Amino acid sequence: MKKLYLITDYKGFFGSKYFDVPYRSGMDRELLASFFKSKGYEVVFLKPLMEELERQNLREGVIVFASHQDPGLFYKNYLEDLAVSLELAGYRVCPSSYLIRAHENKVFFGMISYFMGVPSLNSIKSSWYGAHEDFTAMAEGLKYPVIIKSAEGSMSRKVFLATGTKEAKLKTRNLMRTPDFFLKVRDMIRQIRHKGYTRESWRRKKILVQEYVPGLKNDYKVLVYGKKYYVIHRGINKDDFRASGQGLLSYRKDIPPAILDFAEECFAIFKAPQVSLDIGYDGESCFLFEAQYVCFGTYTIEKSPFYFIRGNGHWTCVEGNSCLEEEYARSIVEYIEQ
């Protein structure tokens, strides 16, 4: 039987699940293992410890990561280090380590989207900055209004609309803060002691700046698990510009085919078993706001009463609820064997 090594977190949990039991415990490990077994794969759950990893012959299987979403992203960064190291050494990592790096890292995804030059990934003009001094130098040249996003965060947290240069500078000033009182005092002393010394920046949290798409009354959250597409319609409050976190959710069968076509196009760009896409549509064009390939919210698939699948050149809506663990296992196996 072929082997899969699923990397858990320090608690022994794997992946994310909206309706998990107990709370914040991830996917059901037994259920997940049973679905993989039915497809001819033996699952070994491993904590990311050298002492556990060195007892396994990791080269005989595929190493599957689900990332982690902890405050400060300290453990997520640790898992990312492991994924990059394994892939660099020639081990089979699923998904690719650069997609694990893109989790909770909107700036990195913005960079790879830009440099790949694929139109669907650049449907919205974006720029990124690593210091407030750099942003203020470029702020006058931006076309307002703009959306300003912290590199990390979900449910529209740390996302702001700026209508002009002054407002943008003020909001990024707070968003990019990296305070450290003792280092700041030390830096002031350096300035006194050393003539011509340029002080350090104390606003170095990276940000992504996106053009604002006016007139949208909703967007679409699209989860893709292999060949199956799960879509939820997210409304926007009258006095807001964000759809995420508003709670105005509905499942609709009359999804414009352009949304599904665009999601399919975005999904095909990177080699991955699943993806979560935030897509806007103004009746003519689609816009990709965000994408996550690991550890994304699963409410959409867990509550969806149907899914979409392409067949014979058109999209078909298939009735029925889905099991997260079953669809996760299926999409992983399809990805490995394709």
C-alpha atoms as a PDB file:
ATOM      1  CA  MET A   1       0.000   0.000   0.000  1.00  0.00           C
ATOM      2  CA  LYS A   2       1.295   3.465  -0.924  1.00  0.00           C
ATOM      3  CA  LYS A   3       2.150   5.822   1.927  1.00  0.00           C
ATOM      4  CA  LEU A   4       1.156   9.348   2.840  1.00  0.00           C
ATOM      5  CA  TYR A   5       2.821  11.246   5.667  1.00  0.00           C
ATOM      6  CA  LEU A   6       0.456  13.884   7.045  1.00  0.00           C
ATOM      7  CA  ILE A   7       2.255  16.546   9.090  1.00  0.00           C
ATOM      8  CA  THR A   8       0.228  17.622  12.129  1.00  0.00           C
ATOM      9  CA  ASP A   9       0.732  20.576  14.435  1.00  0.00           C
ATOM     10  CA  TYR A  10       2.231  20.404  17.931  1.00  0.00           C
ATOM     11  CA  LYS A  11      -1.174  19.359  19.319  1.00  0.00           C
ATOM     12  CA  GLY A  12      -1.391  16.430  16.922  1.00  0.00           C
ATOM     13  CA  PHE A  13      -4.190  18.098  14.912  1.00  0.00           C
ATOM     14  CA  PHE A  14      -4.285  18.143  11.118  1.00  0.00           C
ATOM     15  CA  GLY A  15      -5.832  20.787   8.872  1.00  0.00           C
ATOM     16  CA  SER A  16      -8.771  23.076   9.490  1.00  0.00           C
ATOM     17  CA  LYS A  17     -12.477  22.317   9.810  1.00  0.00           C
ATOM     18  CA  TYR A  18     -15.284  24.751  10.587  1.00  0.00           C
ATOM     19  CA  PHE A  19     -17.523  22.261  12.400  1.00  0.00           C
ATOM     20  CA  ASP A  20     -14.768  20.346  14.184  1.00  0.00           C
ATOM     21  CA  VAL A  21     -15.282  18.440  17.429  1.00  0.00           C
ATOM     22  CA  PRO A  22     -13.723  19.268  19.809  1.00  0.00           C
ATOM     23  CA  TYR A  23     -13.372  22.930  18.920  1.00  0.00           C
ATOM     24  CA  ARG A  24     -10.271  23.846  16.881  1.00  0.00           C
ATOM     25  CA  SER A  25      -9.173  20.225  16.531  1.00  0.00           C
ATOM     26  CA  GLY A  26      -9.019  20.108  12.743  1.00  0.00           C
ATOM     27  CA  MET A  27     -10.205  17.275  10.548  1.00  0.00           C
ATOM     28  CA  ASP A  28     -11.262  13.895  11.909  1.00  0.00           C
ATOM     29  CA  ARG A  29      -8.036  11.874  11.685  1.00  0.00           C
ATOM     30  CA  GLU A  30      -9.720   8.460  11.764  1.00  0.00           C
ATOM     31  CA  LEU A  31     -12.208   9.438   9.094  1.00  0.00           C
ATOM     32  CA  LEU A  32      -9.472  10.931   6.970  1.00  0.00           C
ATOM     33  CA  ALA A  33      -7.310   7.796   7.255  1.00  0.00           C
ATOM     34  CA  SER A  34     -10.241   5.562   6.306  1.00  0.00           C
ATOM     35  CA  PHE A  35     -10.969   7.525   3.135  1.00  0.00           C
ATOM     36  CA  PHE A  36      -7.319   7.405   2.118  1.00  0.00           C
ATOM     37  CA  LYS A  37      -7.189   3.672   2.840  1.00  0.00           C
ATOM     38  CA  SER A  38     -10.193   3.080   0.573  1.00  0.00           C
ATOM     39  CA  LYS A  39      -8.122   4.626  -2.218  1.00  0.00           C
ATOM     40  CA  GLY A  40      -5.070   2.478  -1.553  1.00  0.00           C
ATOM     41  CA  TYR A  41      -3.038   4.777   0.693  1.00  0.00           C
ATOM     42  CA  GLU A  42      -1.743   4.150   4.196  1.00  0.00           C
ATOM     43  CA  VAL A  43      -1.666   7.316   6.286  1.00  0.00           C
ATOM     44  CA  VAL A  44       0.970   8.064   8.903  1.00  0.00           C
ATOM     45  CA  PHE A  45       0.350  11.150  11.033  1.00  0.00           C
ATOM     46  CA  LEU A  46       3.603  12.788  12.129  1.00  0.00           C
ATOM     47  CA  LYS A  47       4.408  15.716  14.340  1.00  0.00           C
ATOM     48  CA  PRO A  48       7.069  17.935  12.721  1.00  0.00           C
ATOM     49  CA  LEU A  49       9.812  16.763  15.073  1.00  0.00           C
ATOM     50  CA  MET A  50      13.175  15.475  13.905  1.00  0.00           C
ATOM     51  CA  GLU A  51      12.828  12.599  16.375  1.00  0.00           C
ATOM     52  CA  GLU A  52       9.626  11.440  14.658  1.00  0.00           C
ATOM     53  CA  LEU A  53      10.632  12.208  11.085  1.00  0.00           C
ATOM     54  CA  GLU A  54      13.938  10.341  11.224  1.00  0.00           C
ATOM     55  CA  ARG A  55      12.146   7.109  12.181  1.00  0.00           C
ATOM     56  CA  GLN A  56      10.299   7.122   8.853  1.00  0.00           C
ATOM     57  CA  ASN A  57      11.467   6.504   5.299  1.00  0.00           C
ATOM     58  CA  LEU A  58       9.924   9.710   4.009  1.00  0.00           C
ATOM     59  CA  ARG A  59      11.207   9.180   0.471  1.00  0.00           C
ATOM     60  CA  GLU A  60       8.874   6.233  -0.063  1.00  0.00           C
ATOM     61  CA  GLY A  61       5.762   8.395   0.152  1.00  0.00           C
ATOM     62  CA  VAL A  62       4.305  11.878  -0.214  1.00  0.00           C
ATOM     63  CA  ILE A  63       4.524  14.383   2.643  1.00  0.00           C
ATOM     64  CA  VAL A  64       1.297  16.365   3.028  1.00  0.00           C
ATOM     65  CA  PHE A  65       1.155  19.701   4.847  1.00  0.00           C
ATOM     66  CA  ALA A  66      -1.900  21.608   6.033  1.00  0.00           C
ATOM     67  CA  SER A  67      -0.033  24.610   7.558  1.00  0.00           C
ATOM     68  CA  HIS A  68      -1.189  26.279  10.787  1.00  0.00           C
ATOM     69  CA  GLN A  69      -2.877  29.537  11.766  1.00  0.00           C
ATOM     70  CA  ASP A  70      -1.477  30.615  15.128  1.00  0.00           C
ATOM     71  CA  PRO A  71      -1.273  34.148  16.575  1.00  0.00           C
ATOM     72  CA  GLY A  72       1.917  35.724  15.285  1.00  0.00           C
ATOM     73  CA  LEU A  73       2.329  32.871  12.773  1.00  0.00           C
ATOM     74  CA  PHE A  74       5.335  31.543  14.694  1.00  0.00           C
ATOM     75  CA  TYR A  75       4.423  27.865  14.303  1.00  0.00           C
ATOM     76  CA  LYS A  76       3.213  28.414  10.746  1.00  0.00           C
ATOM     77  CA  ASN A  77       6.685  29.735   9.897  1.00  0.00           C
ATOM     78  CA  TYR A  78       8.246  26.681  11.534  1.00  0.00           C
ATOM     79  CA  LEU A  79       6.141  24.351   9.372  1.00  0.00           C
ATOM     80  CA  GLU A  80       7.047  26.418   6.323  1.00  0.00           C
ATOM     81  CA  ASP A  81      10.756  25.979   7.096  1.00  0.00           C
ATOM     82  CA  LEU A  82      10.277  22.221   7.230  1.00  0.00           C
ATOM     83  CA  ALA A  83       8.321  22.094   3.971  1.00  0.00           C
ATOM     84  CA  VAL A  84      10.918  24.175   2.113  1.00  0.00           C
ATOM     85  CA  SER A  85      13.773  22.066   3.513  1.00  0.00           C
ATOM     86  CA  LEU A  86      12.144  18.789   2.512  1.00  0.00           C
ATOM     87  CA  GLU A  87      11.269  19.959  -0.989  1.00  0.00           C
ATOM     88  CA  LEU A  88      14.745  21.401  -1.510  1.00  0.00           C
ATOM     89  CA  ALA A  89      16.204  18.013  -0.515  1.00  0.00           C
ATOM     90  CA  GLY A  90      14.115  16.247  -3.155  1.00  0.00           C
ATOM     91  CA  TYR A  91      11.240  14.893  -1.054  1.00  0.00           C
ATOM     92  CA  ARG A  92       7.722  14.949  -2.478  1.00  0.00           C
ATOM     93  CA  VAL A  93       5.834  17.714  -0.671  1.00  0.00           C
ATOM     94  CA  CYS A  94       2.111  18.362  -1.161  1.00  0.00           C
ATOM     95  CA  PRO A  95       1.272  21.097  -1.945  1.00  0.00           C
ATOM     96  CA  SER A  96       4.477  22.781  -3.062  1.00  0.00           C
ATOM     97  CA  SER A  97       6.302  24.611  -0.279  1.00  0.00           C
ATOM     98  CA  TYR A  98       5.897  27.974  -2.020  1.00  0.00           C
ATOM     99  CA  LEU A  99       2.104  27.595  -1.741  1.00  0.00           C
ATOM    100  CA  ILE A 100       2.519  26.822   1.949  1.00  0.00           C
ATOM    101  CA  ARG A 101       4.572  30.010   2.202  1.00  0.00           C
ATOM    102  CA  ALA A 102       1.725  31.889   0.486  1.00  0.00           C
ATOM    103  CA  HIS A 103      -0.640  30.942   3.336  1.00  0.00           C
ATOM    104  CA  GLU A 104      -1.304  34.023   5.488  1.00  0.00           C
ATOM    105  CA  ASN A 105       1.104  35.912   3.237  1.00  0.00           C
ATOM    106  CA  LYS A 106      -0.804  38.111   0.801  1.00  0.00           C
ATOM    107  CA  VAL A 107       2.352  40.013  -0.092  1.00  0.00           C
ATOM    108  CA  PHE A 108       4.193  36.885  -1.216  1.00  0.00           C
ATOM    109  CA  PHE A 109       1.226  35.726  -3.283  1.00  0.00           C
ATOM    110  CA  GLY A 110       1.016  39.200  -4.819  1.00  0.00           C
ATOM    111  CA  MET A 111       4.680  38.979  -5.776  1.00  0.00           C
ATOM    112  CA  ILE A 112       4.504  35.564  -7.431  1.00  0.00           C
ATOM    113  CA  SER A 113       1.282  36.546  -9.192  1.00  0.00           C
ATOM    114  CA  TYR A 114       2.944  39.638 -10.638  1.00  0.00           C
ATOM    115  CA  PHE A 115       6.158  37.993 -11.767  1.00  0.00           C
ATOM    116  CA  MET A 116       4.386  34.996 -13.308  1.00  0.00           C
ATOM    117  CA  GLY A 117       2.584  37.479 -15.543  1.00  0.00           C
ATOM    118  CA  VAL A 118      -0.618  35.430 -15.868  1.00  0.00           C
ATOM    119  CA  PRO A 119      -3.569  37.766 -16.645  1.00  0.00           C
ATOM    120  CA  SER A 120      -6.062  36.051 -14.316  1.00  0.00           C
ATOM    121  CA  LEU A 121      -3.699  36.427 -11.354  1.00  0.00           C
ATOM    122  CA  ASN A 122      -3.227  40.097 -12.178  1.00  0.00           C
ATOM    123  CA  SER A 123      -6.852  41.007 -12.819  1.00  0.00           C
ATOM    124  CA  ILE A 124      -6.424  43.635 -10.093  1.00  0.00           C
ATOM    125  CA  LYS A 125      -3.415  45.942 -10.100  1.00  0.00           C
ATOM    126  CA  SER A 126      -1.393  45.456  -6.918  1.00  0.00           C
ATOM    127  CA  SER A 127       1.778  46.760  -5.330  1.00  0.00           C
ATOM    128  CA  TRP A 128       3.600  45.857  -2.143  1.00  0.00           C
ATOM    129  CA  TYR A 129       5.780  47.645   0.396  1.00  0.00           C
ATOM    130  CA  GLY A 130       8.067  46.521   3.224  1.00  0.00           C
ATOM    131  CA  ALA A 131       8.617  49.836   5.016  1.00  0.00           C
ATOM    132  CA  HIS A 132       6.410  52.852   5.586  1.00  0.00           C
ATOM    133  CA  GLU A 133       9.124  55.109   4.179  1.00  0.00           C
ATOM    134  CA  ASP A 134       8.876  53.279   0.854  1.00  0.00           C
ATOM    135  CA  PHE A 135       5.102  53.570   0.812  1.00  0.00           C
ATOM    136  CA  THR A 136       5.053  57.294   1.575  1.00  0.00           C
ATOM    137  CA  ALA A 137       7.560  57.879  -1.234  1.00  0.00           C
ATOM    138  CA  MET A 138       5.200  56.193  -3.707  1.00  0.00           C
ATOM    139  CA  ALA A 139       1.812  57.155  -2.231  1.00  0.00           C
ATOM    140  CA  GLU A 140       1.297  60.243  -4.382  1.00  0.00           C
ATOM    141  CA  GLY A 141       1.484  58.140  -7.538  1.00  0.00           C
ATOM    142  CA  LEU A 142      -1.250  55.677  -6.578  1.00  0.00           C
ATOM    143  CA  LYS A 143      -4.672  55.825  -8.212  1.00  0.00           C
ATOM    144  CA  TYR A 144      -7.221  56.254  -5.421  1.00  0.00           C
ATOM    145  CA  PRO A 145      -9.246  54.818  -3.841  1.00  0.00           C
ATOM    146  CA  VAL A 146      -7.123  51.785  -2.936  1.00  0.00           C
ATOM    147  CA  ILE A 147      -7.486  48.765  -0.664  1.00  0.00           C
ATOM    148  CA  ILE A 148      -4.692  48.344   1.885  1.00  0.00           C
ATOM    149  CA  LYS A 149      -4.090  44.893   3.358  1.00  0.00           C
ATOM    150  CA  SER A 150      -1.768  43.495   5.957  1.00  0.00           C
ATOM    151  CA  ALA A 151       0.123  40.421   4.751  1.00  0.00           C
ATOM    152  CA  GLU A 152      -1.730  38.223   7.241  1.00  0.00           C
ATOM    153  CA  GLY A 153      -5.291  38.150   8.500  1.00  0.00           C
ATOM    154  CA  SER A 154      -8.713  36.775   7.562  1.00  0.00           C
ATOM    155  CA  MET A 155     -12.390  37.787   7.788  1.00  0.00           C
ATOM    156  CA  SER A 156     -11.428  41.264   6.470  1.00  0.00           C
ATOM    157  CA  ARG A 157      -9.305  42.023   9.525  1.00  0.00           C
ATOM    158  CA  LYS A 158      -6.465  44.483   8.804  1.00  0.00           C
ATOM    159  CA  VAL A 159      -8.087  45.507   5.498  1.00  0.00           C
ATOM    160  CA  PHE A 160      -8.779  49.199   4.866  1.00  0.00           C
ATOM    161  CA  LEU A 161     -10.082  51.500   2.156  1.00  0.00           C
ATOM    162  CA  ALA A 162      -8.126  54.714   1.553  1.00  0.00           C
ATOM    163  CA  THR A 163      -9.657  57.446  -0.597  1.00  0.00           C
ATOM    164  CA  GLY A 164      -6.593  59.669  -0.834  1.00  0.00           C
ATOM    165  CA  THR A 165      -2.890  60.057  -0.108  1.00  0.00           C
ATOM    166  CA  LYS A 166      -3.269  61.570   3.367  1.00  0.00           C
ATOM    167  CA  GLU A 167      -5.652  58.826   4.529  1.00  0.00           C
ATOM    168  CA  ALA A 168      -3.456  56.103   3.014  1.00  0.00           C
ATOM    169  CA  LYS A 169      -0.334  57.383   4.779  1.00  0.00           C
ATOM    170  CA  LEU A 170      -2.162  57.541   8.119  1.00  0.00           C
ATOM    171  CA  LYS A 171      -3.632  54.047   7.848  1.00  0.00           C
ATOM    172  CA  THR A 172      -0.394  52.452   6.715  1.00  0.00           C
ATOM    173  CA  ARG A 173       1.488  54.295   9.465  1.00  0.00           C
ATOM    174  CA  ASN A 174      -0.524  52.355  12.036  1.00  0.00           C
ATOM    175  CA  LEU A 175      -0.759  49.103  10.072  1.00  0.00           C
ATOM    176  CA  MET A 176       2.998  48.843   9.464  1.00  0.00           C
ATOM    177  CA  ARG A 177       4.111  49.574  13.048  1.00  0.00           C
ATOM    178  CA  THR A 178       6.939  47.408  14.445  1.00  0.00           C
ATOM    179  CA  PRO A 179       7.423  48.974  17.891  1.00  0.00           C
ATOM    180  CA  ASP A 180      10.352  48.103  20.161  1.00  0.00           C
ATOM    181  CA  PHE A 181      11.040  50.712  22.842  1.00  0.00           C
ATOM    182  CA  PHE A 182      14.502  49.540  23.872  1.00  0.00           C
ATOM    183  CA  LEU A 183      15.795  49.155  20.326  1.00  0.00           C
ATOM    184  CA  LYS A 184      14.361  52.566  19.466  1.00  0.00           C
ATOM    185  CA  VAL A 185      16.277  54.173  22.354  1.00  0.00           C
ATOM    186  CA  ARG A 186      19.409  52.355  21.239  1.00  0.00           C
ATOM    187  CA  ASP A 187      18.908  53.653  17.709  1.00  0.00           C
ATOM    188  CA  MET A 188      18.530  57.222  18.986  1.00  0.00           C
ATOM    189  CA  ILE A 189      21.865  56.860  20.774  1.00  0.00           C
ATOM    190  CA  ARG A 190      23.454  55.654  17.532  1.00  0.00           C
ATOM    191  CA  GLN A 191      22.221  58.807  15.804  1.00  0.00           C
ATOM    192  CA  ILE A 192      23.805  60.968  18.483  1.00  0.00           C
ATOM    193  CA  ARG A 193      27.128  59.109  18.428  1.00  0.00           C
ATOM    194  CA  HIS A 194      27.531  58.653  14.686  1.00  0.00           C
ATOM    195  CA  LYS A 195      27.314  61.633  12.373  1.00  0.00           C
ATOM    196  CA  GLY A 196      25.323  60.932   9.206  1.00  0.00           C
ATOM    197  CA  TYR A 197      23.707  57.804  10.647  1.00  0.00           C
ATOM    198  CA  THR A 198      20.292  56.956   9.121  1.00  0.00           C
ATOM    199  CA  ARG A 199      17.875  55.712  11.731  1.00  0.00           C
ATOM    200  CA  GLU A 200      16.019  52.410  11.431  1.00  0.00           C
ATOM    201  CA  SER A 201      12.394  52.303  10.368  1.00  0.00           C
ATOM    202  CA  TRP A 202       9.912  51.369  13.084  1.00  0.00           C
ATOM    203  CA  ARG A 203       7.198  50.613  10.563  1.00  0.00           C
ATOM    204  CA  ARG A 204       8.320  47.540   8.649  1.00  0.00           C
ATOM    205  CA  LYS A 205       5.268  45.269   8.519  1.00  0.00           C
ATOM    206  CA  LYS A 206       4.786  44.442   4.859  1.00  0.00           C
ATOM    207  CA  ILE A 207       1.528  45.385   3.151  1.00  0.00           C
ATOM    208  CA  LEU A 208      -0.300  44.772  -0.100  1.00  0.00           C
ATOM    209  CA  VAL A 209      -2.067  47.635  -1.893  1.00  0.00           C
ATOM    210  CA  GLN A 210      -4.779  46.762  -4.429  1.00  0.00           C
ATOM    211  CA  GLU A 211      -6.848  48.902  -6.742  1.00  0.00           C
ATOM    212  CA  TYR A 212     -10.468  49.343  -5.634  1.00  0.00           C
ATOM    213  CA  VAL A 213     -13.188  47.816  -7.799  1.00  0.00           C
ATOM    214  CA  PRO A 214     -16.240  50.118  -7.479  1.00  0.00           C
ATOM    215  CA  GLY A 215     -19.880  49.133  -7.649  1.00  0.00           C
ATOM    216  CA  LEU A 216     -19.659  45.545  -6.421  1.00  0.00           C
ATOM    217  CA  LYS A 217     -22.592  44.425  -4.259  1.00  0.00           C
ATOM    218  CA  ASN A 218     -21.129  41.010  -3.505  1.00  0.00           C
ATOM    219  CA  ASP A 219     -18.267  38.646  -4.179  1.00  0.00           C
ATOM    220  CA  TYR A 220     -17.917  34.865  -4.383  1.00  0.00           C
ATOM    221  CA  LYS A 221     -15.960  32.467  -2.216  1.00  0.00           C
ATOM    222  CA  VAL A 222     -15.001  29.475  -4.365  1.00  0.00           C
ATOM    223  CA  LEU A 223     -13.470  26.346  -2.851  1.00  0.00           C
ATOM    224  CA  VAL A 224     -11.996  23.879  -5.320  1.00  0.00           C
ATOM    225  CA  TYR A 225     -11.349  20.270  -4.342  1.00  0.00           C
ATOM    226  CA  GLY A 226      -9.944  18.643  -7.450  1.00  0.00           C
ATOM    227  CA  LYS A 227     -12.781  18.594  -9.985  1.00  0.00           C
ATOM    228  CA  LYS A 228     -15.487  19.843  -7.612  1.00  0.00           C
ATOM    229  CA  TYR A 229     -16.290  23.540  -7.163  1.00  0.00           C
ATOM    230  CA  TYR A 230     -18.161  24.861  -4.109  1.00  0.00           C
ATOM    231  CA  VAL A 231     -19.428  28.447  -4.322  1.00  0.00           C
ATOM    232  CA  ILE A 232     -20.996  30.766  -1.764  1.00  0.00           C
ATOM    233  CA  HIS A 233     -22.413  34.216  -2.528  1.00  0.00           C
ATOM    234  CA  ARG A 234     -21.223  36.871  -0.040  1.00  0.00           C
ATOM    235  CA  GLY A 235     -23.116  40.138   0.171  1.00  0.00           C
ATOM    236  CA  ILE A 236     -21.608  43.522   1.007  1.00  0.00           C
ATOM    237  CA  ASN A 237     -23.239  45.857   3.523  1.00  0.00           C
ATOM    238  CA  LYS A 238     -24.397  49.204   2.189  1.00  0.00           C
ATOM    239  CA  ASP A 239     -21.836  51.233   4.130  1.00  0.00           C
ATOM    240  CA  ASP A 240     -18.919  48.843   3.669  1.00  0.00           C
ATOM    241  CA  PHE A 241     -16.651  47.637   0.877  1.00  0.00           C
ATOM    242  CA  ARG A 242     -15.861  44.165   2.273  1.00  0.00           C
ATOM    243  CA  ALA A 243     -17.749  40.922   1.738  1.00  0.00           C
ATOM    244  CA  SER A 244     -15.638  38.691   3.984  1.00  0.00           C
ATOM    245  CA  GLY A 245     -16.785  38.651   7.597  1.00  0.00           C
ATOM    246  CA  GLN A 246     -20.179  40.306   6.936  1.00  0.00           C
ATOM    247  CA  GLY A 247     -22.223  37.117   7.362  1.00  0.00           C
ATOM    248  CA  LEU A 248     -24.411  37.820   4.318  1.00  0.00           C
ATOM    249  CA  LEU A 249     -24.061  34.326   2.897  1.00  0.00           C
ATOM    250  CA  SER A 250     -26.206  32.349   0.469  1.00  0.00           C
ATOM    251  CA  TYR A 251     -25.880  29.337  -1.815  1.00  0.00           C
ATOM    252  CA  ARG A 252     -27.172  29.932  -5.318  1.00  0.00           C
ATOM    253  CA  LYS A 253     -27.417  27.629  -8.291  1.00  0.00           C
ATOM    254  CA  ASP A 254     -27.556  30.489 -10.789  1.00  0.00           C
ATOM    255  CA  ILE A 255     -23.866  31.293 -10.447  1.00  0.00           C
ATOM    256  CA  PRO A 256     -22.626  33.057 -13.598  1.00  0.00           C
ATOM    257  CA  PRO A 257     -20.557  30.548 -15.607  1.00  0.00           C
ATOM    258  CA  ALA A 258     -17.868  33.229 -15.905  1.00  0.00           C
ATOM    259  CA  ILE A 259     -17.179  32.843 -12.160  1.00  0.00           C
ATOM    260  CA  LEU A 260     -16.591  29.095 -12.501  1.00  0.00           C
ATOM    261  CA  ASP A 261     -14.542  29.525 -15.682  1.00  0.00           C
ATOM    262  CA  PHE A 262     -12.345  32.092 -13.953  1.00  0.00           C
ATOM    263  CA  ALA A 263     -11.943  29.903 -10.852  1.00  0.00           C
ATOM    264  CA  GLU A 264     -10.970  26.966 -13.052  1.00  0.00           C
ATOM    265  CA  GLU A 265      -8.391  29.110 -14.828  1.00  0.00           C
ATOM    266  CA  CYS A 266      -6.879  30.318 -11.548  1.00  0.00           C
ATOM    267  CA  PHE A 267      -6.823  26.807 -10.084  1.00  0.00           C
ATOM    268  CA  ALA A 268      -4.970  25.381 -13.097  1.00  0.00           C
ATOM    269  CA  ILE A 269      -2.068  27.846 -12.802  1.00  0.00           C
ATOM    270  CA  PHE A 270      -0.492  26.279  -9.723  1.00  0.00           C
ATOM    271  CA  LYS A 271      -0.161  22.559  -9.099  1.00  0.00           C
ATOM    272  CA  ALA A 272      -2.278  22.015  -6.001  1.00  0.00           C
ATOM    273  CA  PRO A 273      -5.055  19.679  -4.802  1.00  0.00           C
ATOM    274  CA  GLN A 274      -7.293  22.428  -3.370  1.00  0.00           C
ATOM    275  CA  VAL A 275      -7.673  26.185  -3.334  1.00  0.00           C
ATOM    276  CA  SER A 276      -9.856  28.897  -1.815  1.00  0.00           C
ATOM    277  CA  LEU A 277     -10.526  31.867  -4.100  1.00  0.00           C
ATOM    278  CA  ASP A 278     -12.178  35.221  -3.385  1.00  0.00           C
ATOM    279  CA  ILE A 279     -13.584  36.448  -6.696  1.00  0.00           C
ATOM    280  CA  GLY A 280     -15.390  39.611  -7.702  1.00  0.00           C
ATOM    281  CA  TYR A 281     -17.573  39.946 -10.814  1.00  0.00           C
ATOM    282  CA  ASP A 282     -18.996  43.161 -12.247  1.00  0.00           C
ATOM    283  CA  GLY A 283     -21.067  41.528 -14.975  1.00  0.00           C
ATOM    284  CA  GLU A 284     -18.259  41.685 -17.517  1.00  0.00           C
ATOM    285  CA  SER A 285     -14.938  40.890 -15.845  1.00  0.00           C
ATOM    286  CA  CYS A 286     -13.757  38.724 -12.952  1.00  0.00           C
ATOM    287  CA  PHE A 287     -11.279  39.888 -10.329  1.00  0.00           C
ATOM    288  CA  LEU A 288      -9.146  37.723  -8.041  1.00  0.00           C
ATOM    289  CA  PHE A 289      -8.958  39.347  -4.610  1.00  0.00           C
ATOM    290  CA  GLU A 290      -7.214  36.568  -2.662  1.00  0.00           C
ATOM    291  CA  ALA A 291      -6.178  32.912  -2.883  1.00  0.00           C
ATOM    292  CA  GLN A 292      -5.184  30.331  -0.255  1.00  0.00           C
ATOM    293  CA  TYR A 293      -3.988  26.804  -0.931  1.00  0.00           C
ATOM    294  CA  VAL A 294      -3.786  25.384   2.607  1.00  0.00           C
ATOM    295  CA  CYS A 295      -5.530  25.890   5.944  1.00  0.00           C
ATOM    296  CA  PHE A 296      -8.411  27.964   4.552  1.00  0.00           C
ATOM    297  CA  GLY A 297     -11.934  28.174   5.961  1.00  0.00           C
ATOM    298  CA  THR A 298     -14.134  25.177   5.159  1.00  0.00           C
ATOM    299  CA  TYR A 299     -17.601  26.538   5.958  1.00  0.00           C
ATOM    300  CA  THR A 300     -18.432  26.763   2.243  1.00  0.00           C
ATOM    301  CA  ILE A 301     -17.939  23.056   1.542  1.00  0.00           C
ATOM    302  CA  GLU A 302     -19.328  21.795   4.848  1.00  0.00           C
ATOM    303  CA  LYS A 303     -22.655  23.630   4.481  1.00  0.00           C
ATOM    304  CA  SER A 304     -23.049  23.511   0.714  1.00  0.00           C
ATOM    305  CA  PRO A 305     -26.111  21.545  -0.508  1.00  0.00           C
ATOM    306  CA  PHE A 306     -24.552  21.119  -3.959  1.00  0.00           C
ATOM    307  CA  TYR A 307     -21.372  21.549  -5.979  1.00  0.00           C
ATOM    308  CA  PHE A 308     -20.433  22.326  -9.569  1.00  0.00           C
ATOM    309  CA  ILE A 309     -18.457  20.130 -11.937  1.00  0.00           C
ATOM    310  CA  ARG A 310     -17.501  20.592 -15.568  1.00  0.00           C
ATOM    311  CA  GLY A 311     -18.635  17.927 -18.009  1.00  0.00           C
ATOM    312  CA  ASN A 312     -19.090  17.895 -21.779  1.00  0.00           C
ATOM    313  CA  GLY A 313     -17.933  21.482 -22.012  1.00  0.00           C
ATOM    314  CA  HIS A 314     -20.404  22.998 -19.549  1.00  0.00           C
ATOM    315  CA  TRP A 315     -20.965  23.322 -15.811  1.00  0.00           C
ATOM    316  CA  THR A 316     -23.382  21.008 -14.020  1.00  0.00           C
ATOM    317  CA  CYS A 317     -24.821  21.541 -10.548  1.00  0.00           C
ATOM    318  CA  VAL A 318     -24.807  18.290  -8.556  1.00  0.00           C
ATOM    319  CA  GLU A 319     -27.169  18.046  -5.567  1.00  0.00           C
ATOM    320  CA  GLY A 320     -26.010  16.606  -2.255  1.00  0.00           C
ATOM    321  CA  ASN A 321     -23.969  17.402   0.826  1.00  0.00           C
ATOM    322  CA  SER A 322     -20.245  16.721   0.942  1.00  0.00           C
ATOM    323  CA  CYS A 323     -17.967  15.286   3.626  1.00  0.00           C
ATOM    324  CA  LEU A 324     -14.868  17.437   4.085  1.00  0.00           C
ATOM    325  CA  GLU A 325     -12.555  14.530   4.912  1.00  0.00           C
ATOM    326  CA  GLU A 326     -13.775  12.520   1.916  1.00  0.00           C
ATOM    327  CA  GLU A 327     -13.314  15.388  -0.544  1.00  0.00           C
ATOM    328  CA  TYR A 328      -9.944  16.286   0.933  1.00  0.00           C
ATOM    329  CA  ALA A 329      -8.705  12.702   0.545  1.00  0.00           C
ATOM    330  CA  ARG A 330     -10.113  12.388  -2.969  1.00  0.00           C
ATOM    331  CA  SER A 331      -8.524  15.618  -4.183  1.00  0.00           C
ATOM    332  CA  ILE A 332      -5.138  14.727  -2.664  1.00  0.00           C
ATOM    333  CA  VAL A 333      -5.127  11.320  -4.370  1.00  0.00           C
ATOM    334  CA  GLU A 334      -6.241  12.825  -7.699  1.00  0.00           C
ATOM    335  CA  TYR A 335      -3.448  15.371  -7.436  1.00  0.00           C
ATOM    336  CA  ILE A 336      -0.782  12.752  -6.654  1.00  0.00           C
ATOM    337  CA  GLU A 337      -1.869  10.352  -9.378  1.00  0.00           C
ATOM    338  CA  GLN A 338      -2.554  12.783 -12.214  1.00  0.00           C
END
